[in-house]
Amino acid sequence: MAYRRTKRVEARLAANRRRILKAARELIAQGGFQQAHIENVAAEAGLAPGTVYRYFPSKTDLMAEVFRTVSQREVAVIEDIANGPGTAAQRMESLIRTFASRALQRPRMAYALLAEPVDPRIEEERIVFRELYARIYRRVLDEGMRTGEFVDMEPSVAAACFQGAQVQSLIGPLAPTPRRVEGGTDRIIDETVRFCLRALLRSVAD
């Protein structure tokens, strides 16, 4: 007869998995992917390394799962803004401000997700989520062009340009040894918004 797990066993296994993922997230938020070795994750979770390997055969498997979990949460926030009220221009500004402000609130995690050198498999996950962000931006760009708020341009190219500008403007301030910007994080966000909207809007008041 095949062994069938009891509800108690299923609950324990699920709880261990949550503890492992939580521990990995906390370590990445402290020191990036390089900090989240299996031994460190096991110690943080209060489990043996062998237990972690039973859930995730390799560090890459674990890091890929953490990347997806955290990135999905961020995409959901951006999606809600894109689908929310306001003009296309208002939502575009909110998209840019929210993405930047959330990144700057947790700089080490954001740097890990956006720019830290990673295993090719994690880089593949990064590419997938960049495309998800780009699709959201394209929808708002399309709407703004239809309503006449935005200048006419190819939405897919514009979305890629804005996404690249946004990420690149944050790399220095998010880096493990951050580059300081006069005016602090508010200045970074304001300048990124102004740069992007000047490229989009038919008229921008100074």
Protein backbone atom coordinates (compact mmCIF):
# COMPACT_ATOMS: atom_id res chain seq x y z
CA MET A 1 0.00 0.00 0.00
CA ALA A 2 1.37 3.41 -0.96
CA TYR A 3 2.23 5.72 1.91
CA ARG A 4 -0.16 8.63 2.30
CA ARG A 5 0.91 11.71 4.24
CA THR A 6 -1.33 12.76 7.10
CA LYS A 7 -2.62 16.32 7.36
CA ARG A 8 -0.24 16.87 10.26
CA VAL A 9 2.74 15.80 8.16
CA GLU A 10 1.57 17.95 5.23
CA ALA A 11 1.25 20.95 7.55
CA ARG A 12 4.75 20.39 8.98
CA LEU A 13 6.28 20.11 5.52
CA ALA A 14 4.51 23.27 4.35
CA ALA A 15 5.64 25.13 7.48
CA ASN A 16 9.26 24.07 6.91
CA ARG A 17 9.09 25.29 3.32
CA ARG A 18 7.75 28.67 4.44
CA ARG A 19 10.52 28.94 7.05
CA ILE A 20 13.18 28.20 4.44
CA LEU A 21 11.83 30.78 2.00
CA LYS A 22 11.44 33.40 4.72
CA ALA A 23 15.00 32.79 5.92
CA ALA A 24 16.34 33.06 2.37
CA ARG A 25 14.45 36.32 1.78
CA GLU A 26 15.83 37.82 4.98
CA LEU A 27 19.39 36.86 4.12
CA ILE A 28 19.08 38.29 0.61
CA ALA A 29 17.67 41.51 2.06
CA GLN A 30 20.76 41.71 4.29
CA GLY A 31 23.52 40.74 1.88
CA GLY A 32 22.18 39.74 -1.51
CA PHE A 33 22.13 36.33 -3.16
CA GLN A 34 25.76 35.78 -2.22
CA GLN A 35 24.77 35.79 1.45
CA ALA A 36 22.11 33.12 1.05
CA HIS A 37 24.20 29.94 1.06
CA ILE A 38 22.26 26.83 2.00
CA GLU A 39 24.13 26.57 5.31
CA ASN A 40 23.22 30.17 6.18
CA VAL A 41 19.61 29.65 5.18
CA ALA A 42 19.41 26.49 7.28
CA ALA A 43 20.82 28.27 10.33
CA GLU A 44 18.45 31.21 9.87
CA ALA A 45 15.47 28.85 9.53
CA GLY A 46 16.54 26.70 12.49
CA LEU A 47 16.82 23.59 10.32
CA ALA A 48 19.59 21.24 9.26
CA PRO A 49 21.18 21.87 5.82
CA GLY A 50 20.03 18.41 4.75
CA THR A 51 16.44 19.42 5.45
CA VAL A 52 16.76 22.44 3.18
CA TYR A 53 18.17 20.24 0.40
CA ARG A 54 15.11 17.97 0.66
CA TYR A 55 12.94 20.92 -0.35
CA PHE A 56 15.39 22.62 -2.74
CA PRO A 57 18.02 20.39 -4.41
CA SER A 58 20.40 23.31 -4.95
CA LYS A 59 20.96 26.92 -3.96
CA THR A 60 19.90 27.94 -7.47
CA ASP A 61 16.54 26.21 -7.04
CA LEU A 62 15.97 28.05 -3.78
CA MET A 63 17.10 31.43 -5.15
CA ALA A 64 14.89 31.05 -8.22
CA GLU A 65 11.87 30.41 -5.99
CA VAL A 66 12.65 33.44 -3.83
CA PHE A 67 13.16 35.60 -6.91
CA ARG A 68 9.76 34.56 -8.32
CA THR A 69 7.96 35.05 -5.01
CA VAL A 70 9.32 38.53 -4.34
CA SER A 71 9.06 39.67 -7.97
CA GLN A 72 5.44 38.48 -8.27
CA ARG A 73 4.55 40.59 -5.26
CA GLU A 74 6.15 43.67 -6.84
CA VAL A 75 4.50 43.08 -10.20
CA ALA A 76 1.11 42.82 -8.47
CA VAL A 77 1.60 46.27 -6.91
CA ILE A 78 2.46 47.79 -10.29
CA GLU A 79 -0.44 45.97 -11.96
CA ASP A 80 -2.90 47.44 -9.46
CA ILE A 81 -1.69 50.96 -10.23
CA ALA A 82 -1.89 50.43 -13.99
CA ASN A 83 -5.47 49.16 -13.65
CA GLY A 84 -6.47 51.85 -11.17
CA PRO A 85 -8.10 55.27 -11.52
CA GLY A 86 -6.59 58.40 -13.02
CA THR A 87 -5.35 59.51 -16.40
CA ALA A 88 -2.63 57.62 -18.22
CA ALA A 89 -0.14 60.33 -17.26
CA GLN A 90 -1.12 60.16 -13.60
CA ARG A 91 -0.82 56.39 -13.54
CA MET A 92 2.52 56.49 -15.38
CA GLU A 93 3.90 58.89 -12.78
CA SER A 94 2.57 56.65 -10.00
CA LEU A 95 4.14 53.59 -11.64
CA ILE A 96 7.54 55.24 -11.76
CA ARG A 97 7.36 56.67 -8.25
CA THR A 98 6.09 53.45 -6.70
CA PHE A 99 8.68 51.23 -8.39
CA ALA A 100 11.52 53.52 -7.30
CA SER A 101 10.29 54.20 -3.78
CA ARG A 102 9.70 50.51 -3.03
CA ALA A 103 13.17 49.65 -4.33
CA LEU A 104 14.82 52.37 -2.25
CA GLN A 105 13.02 51.19 0.89
CA ARG A 106 14.75 47.78 0.65
CA PRO A 107 17.93 48.60 -1.28
CA ARG A 108 19.83 45.35 -0.84
CA MET A 109 16.89 43.21 -1.91
CA ALA A 110 16.14 45.50 -4.84
CA TYR A 111 19.78 45.43 -5.99
CA ALA A 112 19.74 41.63 -5.84
CA LEU A 113 16.60 41.48 -7.96
CA LEU A 114 17.66 44.13 -10.48
CA ALA A 115 21.41 44.01 -10.92
CA GLU A 116 23.42 41.61 -8.76
CA PRO A 117 25.49 39.18 -10.85
CA VAL A 118 23.62 35.89 -10.70
CA ASP A 119 23.47 32.34 -11.99
CA PRO A 120 22.13 32.12 -15.59
CA ARG A 121 18.93 30.49 -14.33
CA ILE A 122 18.21 33.48 -12.09
CA GLU A 123 19.00 35.79 -14.99
CA GLU A 124 16.33 33.96 -17.00
CA GLU A 125 13.82 34.68 -14.24
CA ARG A 126 14.92 38.32 -14.30
CA ILE A 127 14.25 38.54 -18.04
CA VAL A 128 10.76 37.05 -17.58
CA PHE A 129 9.81 39.65 -15.00
CA ARG A 130 11.28 42.52 -17.01
CA GLU A 131 8.92 41.50 -19.79
CA LEU A 132 5.98 41.47 -17.36
CA TYR A 133 6.83 45.00 -16.25
CA ALA A 134 7.21 46.09 -19.87
CA ARG A 135 3.75 44.74 -20.75
CA ILE A 136 2.19 46.76 -17.95
CA TYR A 137 3.95 49.92 -19.09
CA ARG A 138 2.91 49.28 -22.70
CA ARG A 139 -0.76 49.14 -21.72
CA VAL A 140 -0.60 52.55 -20.04
CA LEU A 141 1.42 53.97 -22.94
CA ASP A 142 -1.12 52.68 -25.46
CA GLU A 143 -3.95 54.30 -23.53
CA GLY A 144 -2.12 57.61 -23.24
CA MET A 145 -1.50 57.70 -26.96
CA ARG A 146 -5.14 56.94 -27.72
CA THR A 147 -6.31 59.76 -25.46
CA GLY A 148 -3.75 62.19 -26.86
CA GLU A 149 -1.88 62.64 -23.56
CA PHE A 150 1.32 61.06 -24.89
CA VAL A 151 3.24 61.72 -28.07
CA ASP A 152 3.02 58.98 -30.68
CA MET A 153 5.78 56.39 -30.46
CA GLU A 154 6.19 52.63 -30.61
CA PRO A 155 4.89 51.48 -27.19
CA SER A 156 7.14 48.43 -26.93
CA VAL A 157 10.26 50.50 -27.58
CA ALA A 158 9.14 53.27 -25.23
CA ALA A 159 8.34 50.77 -22.46
CA ALA A 160 11.80 49.23 -22.77
CA CYS A 161 13.44 52.68 -22.71
CA PHE A 162 11.54 53.80 -19.61
CA GLN A 163 12.19 50.56 -17.82
CA GLY A 164 15.89 50.78 -18.62
CA ALA A 165 16.09 54.40 -17.50
CA GLN A 166 14.26 53.59 -14.30
CA VAL A 167 16.46 50.66 -13.36
CA GLN A 168 19.70 52.38 -14.36
CA SER A 169 18.88 55.47 -12.29
CA LEU A 170 18.56 53.23 -9.23
CA ILE A 171 21.63 51.00 -9.62
CA GLY A 172 24.10 53.42 -8.04
CA PRO A 173 21.95 54.31 -5.02
CA LEU A 174 20.98 50.65 -4.48
CA ALA A 175 24.48 49.17 -4.82
CA PRO A 176 26.15 47.58 -1.77
CA THR A 177 28.44 50.61 -1.71
CA PRO A 178 25.83 53.19 -2.71
CA ARG A 179 26.49 56.27 -4.80
CA ARG A 180 25.09 59.24 -2.95
CA VAL A 181 22.91 61.72 -4.83
CA GLU A 182 22.50 65.30 -3.67
CA GLY A 183 18.94 65.65 -2.44
CA GLY A 184 18.71 62.00 -1.47
CA THR A 185 16.15 59.47 -2.57
CA ASP A 186 13.42 62.05 -3.20
CA ARG A 187 15.66 63.74 -5.77
CA ILE A 188 16.31 60.43 -7.52
CA ILE A 189 12.61 59.68 -7.80
CA ASP A 190 11.65 63.21 -8.89
CA GLU A 191 14.32 63.36 -11.57
CA THR A 192 13.41 59.93 -12.95
CA VAL A 193 9.73 60.93 -13.14
CA ARG A 194 10.59 64.21 -14.84
CA PHE A 195 12.89 62.54 -17.36
CA CYS A 196 10.29 59.96 -18.36
CA LEU A 197 7.31 62.30 -18.49
CA ARG A 198 9.20 64.90 -20.56
CA ALA A 199 9.73 62.21 -23.17
CA LEU A 200 6.04 61.26 -23.11
CA LEU A 201 3.79 64.24 -22.58
CA ARG A 202 2.75 66.59 -25.38
CA SER A 203 3.28 69.48 -22.98
CA VAL A 204 5.01 69.49 -19.63
CA ALA A 205 4.83 72.48 -17.31
CA ASP A 206 8.08 73.34 -15.59
